[in-house]
Structure formats: C-alpha cells, structure tokens
Amino acid sequence: MNTVLIKPHFTEKSLKATSNSGFTFQVDQFATKSQIKEVIEATFAVKVVRISTRLSHVPGKRSATRRSTSR
C-alpha cells in the first residue's frame, strides 16, 4: 500500500501551495485518486479534501519533416 507514494515533489510552485495546506507528491502512475487519498490519510493522519493529478514526462508529438531529393 505504501508503494503508491514515491516521494514528495518540491518545486517553487509546490512550495507556494504549502501555505494554503496543499502538498505535492510523486505517485505511482497507475494509482487511482481513491488509493492516493487512503494512503495519505493513513500515513499523515489528515483529512484529504481534494486531489488533483496530472501526468508528467509524457513524450510530446513528433513533428513531420519533409524529405527532399536533390539532383
């Protein structure tokens, strides 16, 4: 169950969110919001109000390039 939380994620933006009782964690890619909520409530003895998730390190679209032939 503890494999859901990988590590806390500290950036300038996430440190600003801590003043509003918001915290940022890196979690398992396949964890659901309900699993994340259960683990955080059990680990830190807090009541979770809301969870926002987003995928990171997703490869971007590849752009098409023209193949030119020269004489």
Protein backbone atom coordinates (compact mmCIF):
# COMPACT_ATOMS: atom_id res chain seq x y z
CA MET A 1 0.00 0.00 0.00
CA ASN A 2 2.89 2.35 0.70
CA THR A 3 4.24 1.87 -2.83
CA VAL A 4 1.62 4.36 -4.07
CA LEU A 5 3.58 7.36 -2.72
CA ILE A 6 7.02 7.57 -4.30
CA LYS A 7 8.40 10.83 -2.87
CA PRO A 8 7.44 14.44 -2.11
CA HIS A 9 7.85 16.79 -5.06
CA PHE A 10 9.45 20.15 -4.22
CA THR A 11 9.36 22.97 -6.73
CA GLU A 12 8.90 26.70 -6.36
CA LYS A 13 5.23 26.37 -7.31
CA SER A 14 4.60 23.48 -4.89
CA LEU A 15 6.24 25.36 -2.03
CA LYS A 16 3.81 28.26 -2.57
CA ALA A 17 0.92 25.78 -2.32
CA THR A 18 2.07 24.63 1.14
CA SER A 19 0.99 27.98 2.58
CA ASN A 20 -2.59 27.00 1.59
CA SER A 21 -2.20 23.49 3.08
CA GLY A 22 -1.51 21.98 -0.34
CA PHE A 23 1.15 19.33 -0.81
CA THR A 24 2.66 17.73 -3.88
CA PHE A 25 3.74 14.11 -4.17
CA GLN A 26 5.09 11.93 -6.91
CA VAL A 27 2.86 8.84 -7.01
CA ASP A 28 2.62 5.57 -8.91
CA GLN A 29 1.42 6.12 -12.47
CA PHE A 30 -1.41 3.57 -12.13
CA ALA A 31 -2.68 4.68 -8.69
CA THR A 32 -6.25 5.94 -8.53
CA LYS A 33 -7.35 9.05 -6.65
CA SER A 34 -9.10 6.93 -4.01
CA GLN A 35 -5.93 4.87 -3.42
CA ILE A 36 -3.85 8.05 -3.10
CA LYS A 37 -6.38 9.50 -0.65
CA GLU A 38 -6.35 6.37 1.55
CA VAL A 39 -2.55 6.25 1.73
CA ILE A 40 -2.15 9.95 2.54
CA GLU A 41 -4.84 9.85 5.25
CA ALA A 42 -3.30 6.73 6.82
CA THR A 43 0.30 7.94 6.63
CA PHE A 44 -0.09 11.55 7.76
CA ALA A 45 -3.29 11.35 9.89
CA VAL A 46 -5.01 14.15 7.96
CA LYS A 47 -8.34 14.58 6.16
CA VAL A 48 -7.87 14.90 2.39
CA VAL A 49 -10.27 17.41 0.84
CA ARG A 50 -9.28 17.29 -2.83
CA ILE A 51 -6.79 15.51 -5.07
CA SER A 52 -5.54 16.79 -8.42
CA THR A 53 -3.45 14.54 -10.62
CA ARG A 54 -1.52 15.08 -13.81
CA LEU A 55 0.82 13.02 -15.94
CA SER A 56 4.33 14.28 -16.39
CA HIS A 57 7.21 13.20 -18.56
CA VAL A 58 4.84 12.28 -21.37
CA PRO A 59 6.67 12.42 -24.69
CA GLY A 60 5.44 15.19 -26.98
CA LYS A 61 4.16 14.83 -30.50
CA ARG A 62 6.73 14.31 -33.19
CA SER A 63 6.64 16.81 -35.99
CA ALA A 64 6.69 15.66 -39.57
CA THR A 65 9.65 16.65 -41.68
CA ARG A 66 9.87 16.76 -45.44
CA ARG A 67 12.22 14.54 -47.28
CA SER A 68 13.76 16.40 -50.14
CA THR A 69 15.54 14.93 -53.09
CA SER A 70 18.29 16.84 -54.76
CA ARG A 71 19.78 16.44 -58.20
